Amino acid sequence: MASDKPFGDAAIEFPVAFELRIIYTLASGATLEEDAMRILLASHAQPSRPMALPAPGVKYGRLSIPVTFNDSESMHAAYAALGALPCVKAVM
């Protein structure tokens, strides 16, 4: 029987640390680093220093933030808040 979950029955074990990636519109993303850090800290995550990643085009930028989440609720809240920022196109 197939599962409708993206990773089947595998569960994320917390705390979990990974590199959060954000794709955003350069023209409207001047404060993205500060906004992302504020959101992550408010979500009780432990972010490290953000790193801008080279982008192939001039329209979009990529931001990478090493982060640790202690629980599912804080991770989902941070993803929702980051995705709601006007300049953000994707959060991975």
PDB file of N, CA and C in Angstrom:
ATOM      1  N   MET A   1       0.854  -1.183   0.000  1.00  0.00           N
ATOM      2  CA  MET A   1       0.000   0.000   0.000  1.00  0.00           C
ATOM      3  C   MET A   1       0.895   1.240   0.000  1.00  0.00           C
ATOM      4  N   ALA A   2       0.681   2.131  -0.903  1.00  0.00           N
ATOM      5  CA  ALA A   2       1.484   3.346  -1.041  1.00  0.00           C
ATOM      6  C   ALA A   2       1.071   4.376   0.010  1.00  0.00           C
ATOM      7  N   SER A   3       2.039   5.125   0.465  1.00  0.00           N
ATOM      8  CA  SER A   3       1.787   6.175   1.444  1.00  0.00           C
ATOM      9  C   SER A   3       1.624   7.509   0.729  1.00  0.00           C
ATOM     10  N   ASP A   4       0.782   8.383   1.280  1.00  0.00           N
ATOM     11  CA  ASP A   4       0.620   9.713   0.686  1.00  0.00           C
ATOM     12  C   ASP A   4       1.600  10.719   1.279  1.00  0.00           C
ATOM     13  N   LYS A   5       2.479  10.273   2.171  1.00  0.00           N
ATOM     14  CA  LYS A   5       3.501  11.130   2.754  1.00  0.00           C
ATOM     15  C   LYS A   5       4.701  11.175   1.811  1.00  0.00           C
ATOM     16  N   PRO A   6       5.400  12.317   1.758  1.00  0.00           N
ATOM     17  CA  PRO A   6       6.515  12.433   0.809  1.00  0.00           C
ATOM     18  C   PRO A   6       7.641  11.431   1.048  1.00  0.00           C
ATOM     19  N   PHE A   7       7.850  10.982   2.273  1.00  0.00           N
ATOM     20  CA  PHE A   7       8.929  10.046   2.581  1.00  0.00           C
ATOM     21  C   PHE A   7       8.390   8.749   3.155  1.00  0.00           C
ATOM     22  N   GLY A   8       7.170   8.394   2.746  1.00  0.00           N
ATOM     23  CA  GLY A   8       6.574   7.165   3.244  1.00  0.00           C
ATOM     24  C   GLY A   8       6.294   7.278   4.732  1.00  0.00           C
ATOM     25  N   ASP A   9       6.642   6.242   5.463  1.00  0.00           N
ATOM     26  CA  ASP A   9       6.396   6.246   6.910  1.00  0.00           C
ATOM     27  C   ASP A   9       7.604   6.729   7.707  1.00  0.00           C
ATOM     28  N   ALA A  10       8.629   7.218   7.028  1.00  0.00           N
ATOM     29  CA  ALA A  10       9.809   7.739   7.720  1.00  0.00           C
ATOM     30  C   ALA A  10       9.433   8.998   8.491  1.00  0.00           C
ATOM     31  N   ALA A  11       9.976   9.128   9.674  1.00  0.00           N
ATOM     32  CA  ALA A  11       9.689  10.290  10.518  1.00  0.00           C
ATOM     33  C   ALA A  11      10.966  11.095  10.741  1.00  0.00           C
ATOM     34  N   ILE A  12      10.800  12.379  10.897  1.00  0.00           N
ATOM     35  CA  ILE A  12      11.934  13.244  11.213  1.00  0.00           C
ATOM     36  C   ILE A  12      12.191  13.142  12.704  1.00  0.00           C
ATOM     37  N   GLU A  13      13.434  12.935  13.066  1.00  0.00           N
ATOM     38  CA  GLU A  13      13.808  12.887  14.475  1.00  0.00           C
ATOM     39  C   GLU A  13      14.367  14.242  14.872  1.00  0.00           C
ATOM     40  N   PHE A  14      13.822  14.795  15.937  1.00  0.00           N
ATOM     41  CA  PHE A  14      14.240  16.104  16.422  1.00  0.00           C
ATOM     42  C   PHE A  14      15.142  15.943  17.623  1.00  0.00           C
ATOM     43  N   PRO A  15      16.112  16.849  17.806  1.00  0.00           N
ATOM     44  CA  PRO A  15      16.377  18.017  16.972  1.00  0.00           C
ATOM     45  C   PRO A  15      16.926  17.593  15.617  1.00  0.00           C
ATOM     46  N   VAL A  16      16.672  18.449  14.625  1.00  0.00           N
ATOM     47  CA  VAL A  16      17.145  18.200  13.269  1.00  0.00           C
ATOM     48  C   VAL A  16      17.892  19.442  12.787  1.00  0.00           C
ATOM     49  N   ALA A  17      19.042  19.218  12.166  1.00  0.00           N
ATOM     50  CA  ALA A  17      19.859  20.319  11.644  1.00  0.00           C
ATOM     51  C   ALA A  17      20.029  20.129  10.145  1.00  0.00           C
ATOM     52  N   PHE A  18      19.882  21.199   9.399  1.00  0.00           N
ATOM     53  CA  PHE A  18      20.042  21.156   7.954  1.00  0.00           C
ATOM     54  C   PHE A  18      20.254  22.563   7.423  1.00  0.00           C
ATOM     55  N   GLU A  19      20.509  22.647   6.130  1.00  0.00           N
ATOM     56  CA  GLU A  19      20.708  23.940   5.479  1.00  0.00           C
ATOM     57  C   GLU A  19      19.390  24.365   4.837  1.00  0.00           C
ATOM     58  N   LEU A  20      18.766  25.376   5.402  1.00  0.00           N
ATOM     59  CA  LEU A  20      17.521  25.928   4.874  1.00  0.00           C
ATOM     60  C   LEU A  20      17.875  26.801   3.677  1.00  0.00           C
ATOM     61  N   ARG A  21      17.174  26.629   2.572  1.00  0.00           N
ATOM     62  CA  ARG A  21      17.447  27.425   1.371  1.00  0.00           C
ATOM     63  C   ARG A  21      16.213  28.236   1.009  1.00  0.00           C
ATOM     64  N   ILE A  22      16.438  29.483   0.660  1.00  0.00           N
ATOM     65  CA  ILE A  22      15.363  30.392   0.290  1.00  0.00           C
ATOM     66  C   ILE A  22      15.681  30.981  -1.079  1.00  0.00           C
ATOM     67  N   ILE A  23      14.725  30.914  -1.992  1.00  0.00           N
ATOM     68  CA  ILE A  23      14.837  31.574  -3.293  1.00  0.00           C
ATOM     69  C   ILE A  23      13.934  32.795  -3.231  1.00  0.00           C
ATOM     70  N   TYR A  24      14.472  33.943  -3.628  1.00  0.00           N
ATOM     71  CA  TYR A  24      13.726  35.189  -3.484  1.00  0.00           C
ATOM     72  C   TYR A  24      13.996  36.130  -4.647  1.00  0.00           C
ATOM     73  N   THR A  25      13.116  37.102  -4.808  1.00  0.00           N
ATOM     74  CA  THR A  25      13.262  38.126  -5.839  1.00  0.00           C
ATOM     75  C   THR A  25      14.258  39.162  -5.341  1.00  0.00           C
ATOM     76  N   LEU A  26      15.344  39.345  -6.075  1.00  0.00           N
ATOM     77  CA  LEU A  26      16.383  40.297  -5.657  1.00  0.00           C
ATOM     78  C   LEU A  26      15.841  41.718  -5.516  1.00  0.00           C
ATOM     79  N   ALA A  27      14.981  42.116  -6.417  1.00  0.00           N
ATOM     80  CA  ALA A  27      14.481  43.495  -6.422  1.00  0.00           C
ATOM     81  C   ALA A  27      13.733  43.854  -5.148  1.00  0.00           C
ATOM     82  N   SER A  28      13.113  42.881  -4.498  1.00  0.00           N
ATOM     83  CA  SER A  28      12.334  43.194  -3.293  1.00  0.00           C
ATOM     84  C   SER A  28      12.861  42.498  -2.040  1.00  0.00           C
ATOM     85  N   GLY A  29      14.058  41.919  -2.111  1.00  0.00           N
ATOM     86  CA  GLY A  29      14.580  41.157  -0.989  1.00  0.00           C
ATOM     87  C   GLY A  29      15.711  41.793  -0.222  1.00  0.00           C
ATOM     88  N   ALA A  30      15.761  43.109  -0.181  1.00  0.00           N
ATOM     89  CA  ALA A  30      16.878  43.808   0.478  1.00  0.00           C
ATOM     90  C   ALA A  30      17.013  43.459   1.959  1.00  0.00           C
ATOM     91  N   THR A  31      15.917  43.190   2.649  1.00  0.00           N
ATOM     92  CA  THR A  31      15.972  42.911   4.093  1.00  0.00           C
ATOM     93  C   THR A  31      15.745  41.430   4.406  1.00  0.00           C
ATOM     94  N   LEU A  32      15.856  40.559   3.413  1.00  0.00           N
ATOM     95  CA  LEU A  32      15.541  39.147   3.626  1.00  0.00           C
ATOM     96  C   LEU A  32      16.387  38.507   4.713  1.00  0.00           C
ATOM     97  N   GLU A  33      17.680  38.752   4.728  1.00  0.00           N
ATOM     98  CA  GLU A  33      18.535  38.132   5.758  1.00  0.00           C
ATOM     99  C   GLU A  33      18.052  38.475   7.154  1.00  0.00           C
ATOM    100  N   GLU A  34      17.791  39.753   7.399  1.00  0.00           N
ATOM    101  CA  GLU A  34      17.328  40.186   8.723  1.00  0.00           C
ATOM    102  C   GLU A  34      15.950  39.609   9.035  1.00  0.00           C
ATOM    103  N   ASP A  35      15.053  39.631   8.051  1.00  0.00           N
ATOM    104  CA  ASP A  35      13.705  39.098   8.253  1.00  0.00           C
ATOM    105  C   ASP A  35      13.749  37.599   8.547  1.00  0.00           C
ATOM    106  N   ALA A  36      14.569  36.855   7.805  1.00  0.00           N
ATOM    107  CA  ALA A  36      14.673  35.416   8.005  1.00  0.00           C
ATOM    108  C   ALA A  36      15.230  35.091   9.392  1.00  0.00           C
ATOM    109  N   MET A  37      16.263  35.806   9.807  1.00  0.00           N
ATOM    110  CA  MET A  37      16.841  35.564  11.136  1.00  0.00           C
ATOM    111  C   MET A  37      15.823  35.883  12.237  1.00  0.00           C
ATOM    112  N   ARG A  38      15.078  36.959  12.075  1.00  0.00           N
ATOM    113  CA  ARG A  38      14.051  37.326  13.057  1.00  0.00           C
ATOM    114  C   ARG A  38      13.000  36.223  13.163  1.00  0.00           C
ATOM    115  N   ILE A  39      12.540  35.724  12.024  1.00  0.00           N
ATOM    116  CA  ILE A  39      11.526  34.672  12.000  1.00  0.00           C
ATOM    117  C   ILE A  39      12.060  33.389  12.634  1.00  0.00           C
ATOM    118  N   LEU A  40      13.268  32.990  12.279  1.00  0.00           N
ATOM    119  CA  LEU A  40      13.830  31.759  12.823  1.00  0.00           C
ATOM    120  C   LEU A  40      14.025  31.849  14.330  1.00  0.00           C
ATOM    121  N   LEU A  41      14.513  32.973  14.808  1.00  0.00           N
ATOM    122  CA  LEU A  41      14.694  33.134  16.255  1.00  0.00           C
ATOM    123  C   LEU A  41      13.355  33.159  16.978  1.00  0.00           C
ATOM    124  N   ALA A  42      12.341  33.794  16.399  1.00  0.00           N
ATOM    125  CA  ALA A  42      11.008  33.822  16.999  1.00  0.00           C
ATOM    126  C   ALA A  42      10.384  32.426  17.019  1.00  0.00           C
ATOM    127  N   SER A  43      10.807  31.556  16.091  1.00  0.00           N
ATOM    128  CA  SER A  43      10.293  30.184  16.035  1.00  0.00           C
ATOM    129  C   SER A  43      11.101  29.242  16.925  1.00  0.00           C
ATOM    130  N   HIS A  44      12.007  29.784  17.706  1.00  0.00           N
ATOM    131  CA  HIS A  44      12.848  29.016  18.631  1.00  0.00           C
ATOM    132  C   HIS A  44      13.804  28.063  17.915  1.00  0.00           C
ATOM    133  N   ALA A  45      14.204  28.438  16.714  1.00  0.00           N
ATOM    134  CA  ALA A  45      15.215  27.682  15.981  1.00  0.00           C
ATOM    135  C   ALA A  45      16.581  28.229  16.361  1.00  0.00           C
ATOM    136  N   GLN A  46      17.619  27.484  16.024  1.00  0.00           N
ATOM    137  CA  GLN A  46      18.984  27.952  16.242  1.00  0.00           C
ATOM    138  C   GLN A  46      19.648  28.132  14.884  1.00  0.00           C
ATOM    139  N   PRO A  47      19.513  29.336  14.291  1.00  0.00           N
ATOM    140  CA  PRO A  47      20.139  29.575  12.987  1.00  0.00           C
ATOM    141  C   PRO A  47      21.605  29.974  13.130  1.00  0.00           C
ATOM    142  N   SER A  48      22.376  29.644  12.110  1.00  0.00           N
ATOM    143  CA  SER A  48      23.759  30.104  12.014  1.00  0.00           C
ATOM    144  C   SER A  48      23.806  31.230  10.998  1.00  0.00           C
ATOM    145  N   ARG A  49      24.994  31.652  10.683  1.00  0.00           N
ATOM    146  CA  ARG A  49      25.177  32.788   9.780  1.00  0.00           C
ATOM    147  C   ARG A  49      24.619  32.512   8.379  1.00  0.00           C
ATOM    148  N   PRO A  50      23.742  33.385   7.875  1.00  0.00           N
ATOM    149  CA  PRO A  50      23.217  33.226   6.511  1.00  0.00           C
ATOM    150  C   PRO A  50      24.315  33.421   5.470  1.00  0.00           C
ATOM    151  N   MET A  51      24.184  32.697   4.364  1.00  0.00           N
ATOM    152  CA  MET A  51      25.148  32.817   3.275  1.00  0.00           C
ATOM    153  C   MET A  51      24.385  33.032   1.969  1.00  0.00           C
ATOM    154  N   ALA A  52      24.715  34.112   1.272  1.00  0.00           N
ATOM    155  CA  ALA A  52      24.132  34.338  -0.053  1.00  0.00           C
ATOM    156  C   ALA A  52      24.809  33.382  -1.022  1.00  0.00           C
ATOM    157  N   LEU A  53      24.012  32.720  -1.846  1.00  0.00           N
ATOM    158  CA  LEU A  53      24.549  31.775  -2.817  1.00  0.00           C
ATOM    159  C   LEU A  53      24.506  32.406  -4.199  1.00  0.00           C
ATOM    160  N   PRO A  54      25.515  32.169  -4.999  1.00  0.00           N
ATOM    161  CA  PRO A  54      25.500  32.731  -6.349  1.00  0.00           C
ATOM    162  C   PRO A  54      24.272  32.254  -7.110  1.00  0.00           C
ATOM    163  N   ALA A  55      23.634  33.160  -7.803  1.00  0.00           N
ATOM    164  CA  ALA A  55      22.447  32.841  -8.590  1.00  0.00           C
ATOM    165  C   ALA A  55      22.787  32.939 -10.069  1.00  0.00           C
ATOM    166  N   PRO A  56      22.231  32.050 -10.880  1.00  0.00           N
ATOM    167  CA  PRO A  56      22.550  32.079 -12.299  1.00  0.00           C
ATOM    168  C   PRO A  56      21.961  33.280 -13.036  1.00  0.00           C
ATOM    169  N   GLY A  57      20.893  33.856 -12.542  1.00  0.00           N
ATOM    170  CA  GLY A  57      20.261  34.994 -13.212  1.00  0.00           C
ATOM    171  C   GLY A  57      20.350  36.237 -12.357  1.00  0.00           C
ATOM    172  N   VAL A  58      19.808  37.309 -12.861  1.00  0.00           N
ATOM    173  CA  VAL A  58      19.842  38.556 -12.111  1.00  0.00           C
ATOM    174  C   VAL A  58      18.510  38.840 -11.421  1.00  0.00           C
ATOM    175  N   LYS A  59      17.502  38.051 -11.675  1.00  0.00           N
ATOM    176  CA  LYS A  59      16.181  38.300 -11.111  1.00  0.00           C
ATOM    177  C   LYS A  59      16.007  37.689  -9.716  1.00  0.00           C
ATOM    178  N   TYR A  60      16.621  36.519  -9.491  1.00  0.00           N
ATOM    179  CA  TYR A  60      16.421  35.806  -8.234  1.00  0.00           C
ATOM    180  C   TYR A  60      17.728  35.620  -7.483  1.00  0.00           C
ATOM    181  N   GLY A  61      17.628  35.584  -6.169  1.00  0.00           N
ATOM    182  CA  GLY A  61      18.764  35.308  -5.318  1.00  0.00           C
ATOM    183  C   GLY A  61      18.478  34.065  -4.504  1.00  0.00           C
ATOM    184  N   ARG A  62      19.540  33.494  -3.928  1.00  0.00           N
ATOM    185  CA  ARG A  62      19.389  32.324  -3.061  1.00  0.00           C
ATOM    186  C   ARG A  62      20.113  32.606  -1.763  1.00  0.00           C
ATOM    187  N   LEU A  63      19.456  32.241  -0.677  1.00  0.00           N
ATOM    188  CA  LEU A  63      20.021  32.424   0.652  1.00  0.00           C
ATOM    189  C   LEU A  63      20.028  31.078   1.346  1.00  0.00           C
ATOM    190  N   SER A  64      21.139  30.738   1.963  1.00  0.00           N
ATOM    191  CA  SER A  64      21.291  29.480   2.688  1.00  0.00           C
ATOM    192  C   SER A  64      21.533  29.798   4.158  1.00  0.00           C
ATOM    193  N   ILE A  65      20.788  29.123   5.040  1.00  0.00           N
ATOM    194  CA  ILE A  65      20.953  29.348   6.478  1.00  0.00           C
ATOM    195  C   ILE A  65      21.026  27.996   7.181  1.00  0.00           C
ATOM    196  N   PRO A  66      22.187  27.636   7.740  1.00  0.00           N
ATOM    197  CA  PRO A  66      22.244  26.430   8.557  1.00  0.00           C
ATOM    198  C   PRO A  66      21.354  26.644   9.794  1.00  0.00           C
ATOM    199  N   VAL A  67      20.491  25.684  10.083  1.00  0.00           N
ATOM    200  CA  VAL A  67      19.533  25.874  11.159  1.00  0.00           C
ATOM    201  C   VAL A  67      19.247  24.550  11.868  1.00  0.00           C
ATOM    202  N   THR A  68      18.905  24.649  13.139  1.00  0.00           N
ATOM    203  CA  THR A  68      18.481  23.485  13.922  1.00  0.00           C
ATOM    204  C   THR A  68      17.106  23.776  14.483  1.00  0.00           C
ATOM    205  N   PHE A  69      16.191  22.833  14.288  1.00  0.00           N
ATOM    206  CA  PHE A  69      14.851  22.910  14.866  1.00  0.00           C
ATOM    207  C   PHE A  69      14.723  21.827  15.920  1.00  0.00           C
ATOM    208  N   ASN A  70      14.075  22.172  17.030  1.00  0.00           N
ATOM    209  CA  ASN A  70      13.899  21.219  18.122  1.00  0.00           C
ATOM    210  C   ASN A  70      12.591  20.452  18.056  1.00  0.00           C
ATOM    211  N   ASP A  71      11.629  20.940  17.265  1.00  0.00           N
ATOM    212  CA  ASP A  71      10.351  20.246  17.164  1.00  0.00           C
ATOM    213  C   ASP A  71       9.647  20.592  15.854  1.00  0.00           C
ATOM    214  N   SER A  72       8.693  19.783  15.509  1.00  0.00           N
ATOM    215  CA  SER A  72       7.957  19.920  14.261  1.00  0.00           C
ATOM    216  C   SER A  72       7.162  21.222  14.192  1.00  0.00           C
ATOM    217  N   GLU A  73       6.550  21.602  15.289  1.00  0.00           N
ATOM    218  CA  GLU A  73       5.716  22.801  15.298  1.00  0.00           C
ATOM    219  C   GLU A  73       6.516  24.047  14.961  1.00  0.00           C
ATOM    220  N   SER A  74       7.703  24.190  15.557  1.00  0.00           N
ATOM    221  CA  SER A  74       8.517  25.375  15.281  1.00  0.00           C
ATOM    222  C   SER A  74       9.024  25.364  13.841  1.00  0.00           C
ATOM    223  N   MET A  75       9.337  24.183  13.311  1.00  0.00           N
ATOM    224  CA  MET A  75       9.804  24.093  11.934  1.00  0.00           C
ATOM    225  C   MET A  75       8.688  24.494  10.965  1.00  0.00           C
ATOM    226  N   HIS A  76       7.494  23.976  11.187  1.00  0.00           N
ATOM    227  CA  HIS A  76       6.370  24.319  10.306  1.00  0.00           C
ATOM    228  C   HIS A  76       6.010  25.799  10.403  1.00  0.00           C
ATOM    229  N   ALA A  77       6.067  26.364  11.603  1.00  0.00           N
ATOM    230  CA  ALA A  77       5.762  27.785  11.783  1.00  0.00           C
ATOM    231  C   ALA A  77       6.785  28.652  11.049  1.00  0.00           C
ATOM    232  N   ALA A  78       8.059  28.278  11.133  1.00  0.00           N
ATOM    233  CA  ALA A  78       9.099  29.047  10.456  1.00  0.00           C
ATOM    234  C   ALA A  78       8.935  28.966   8.941  1.00  0.00           C
ATOM    235  N   TYR A  79       8.672  27.783   8.414  1.00  0.00           N
ATOM    236  CA  TYR A  79       8.458  27.639   6.972  1.00  0.00           C
ATOM    237  C   TYR A  79       7.280  28.487   6.503  1.00  0.00           C
ATOM    238  N   ALA A  80       6.185  28.466   7.257  1.00  0.00           N
ATOM    239  CA  ALA A  80       5.000  29.247   6.872  1.00  0.00           C
ATOM    240  C   ALA A  80       5.303  30.740   6.887  1.00  0.00           C
ATOM    241  N   ALA A  81       5.986  31.217   7.934  1.00  0.00           N
ATOM    242  CA  ALA A  81       6.294  32.645   8.043  1.00  0.00           C
ATOM    243  C   ALA A  81       7.284  33.083   6.971  1.00  0.00           C
ATOM    244  N   LEU A  82       8.292  32.269   6.694  1.00  0.00           N
ATOM    245  CA  LEU A  82       9.257  32.605   5.644  1.00  0.00           C
ATOM    246  C   LEU A  82       8.575  32.623   4.277  1.00  0.00           C
ATOM    247  N   GLY A  83       7.731  31.655   4.009  1.00  0.00           N
ATOM    248  CA  GLY A  83       7.028  31.591   2.737  1.00  0.00           C
ATOM    249  C   GLY A  83       6.053  32.723   2.524  1.00  0.00           C
ATOM    250  N   ALA A  84       5.609  33.354   3.599  1.00  0.00           N
ATOM    251  CA  ALA A  84       4.662  34.474   3.502  1.00  0.00           C
ATOM    252  C   ALA A  84       5.347  35.805   3.202  1.00  0.00           C
ATOM    253  N   LEU A  85       6.671  35.861   3.294  1.00  0.00           N
ATOM    254  CA  LEU A  85       7.370  37.116   2.979  1.00  0.00           C
ATOM    255  C   LEU A  85       7.160  37.434   1.504  1.00  0.00           C
ATOM    256  N   PRO A  86       6.865  38.694   1.168  1.00  0.00           N
ATOM    257  CA  PRO A  86       6.544  39.056  -0.215  1.00  0.00           C
ATOM    258  C   PRO A  86       7.617  38.722  -1.248  1.00  0.00           C
ATOM    259  N   CYS A  87       8.874  38.777  -0.874  1.00  0.00           N
ATOM    260  CA  CYS A  87       9.941  38.539  -1.845  1.00  0.00           C
ATOM    261  C   CYS A  87      10.254  37.055  -2.042  1.00  0.00           C
ATOM    262  N   VAL A  88       9.775  36.195  -1.152  1.00  0.00           N
ATOM    263  CA  VAL A  88      10.136  34.780  -1.171  1.00  0.00           C
ATOM    264  C   VAL A  88       9.325  34.016  -2.212  1.00  0.00           C
ATOM    265  N   LYS A  89      10.045  33.248  -3.026  1.00  0.00           N
ATOM    266  CA  LYS A  89       9.422  32.404  -4.045  1.00  0.00           C
ATOM    267  C   LYS A  89       9.369  30.944  -3.611  1.00  0.00           C
ATOM    268  N   ALA A  90      10.374  30.493  -2.832  1.00  0.00           N
ATOM    269  CA  ALA A  90      10.406  29.096  -2.374  1.00  0.00           C
ATOM    270  C   ALA A  90      11.267  28.997  -1.128  1.00  0.00           C
ATOM    271  N   VAL A  91      10.874  28.072  -0.226  1.00  0.00           N
ATOM    272  CA  VAL A  91      11.665  27.753   0.967  1.00  0.00           C
ATOM    273  C   VAL A  91      11.868  26.243   0.947  1.00  0.00           C
ATOM    274  N   MET A  92      13.129  25.818   0.999  1.00  0.00           N
ATOM    275  CA  MET A  92      13.442  24.388   0.918  1.00  0.00           C
ATOM    276  C   MET A  92      14.318  23.986   2.064  1.00  0.00           C
TER     277      MET A  92
END
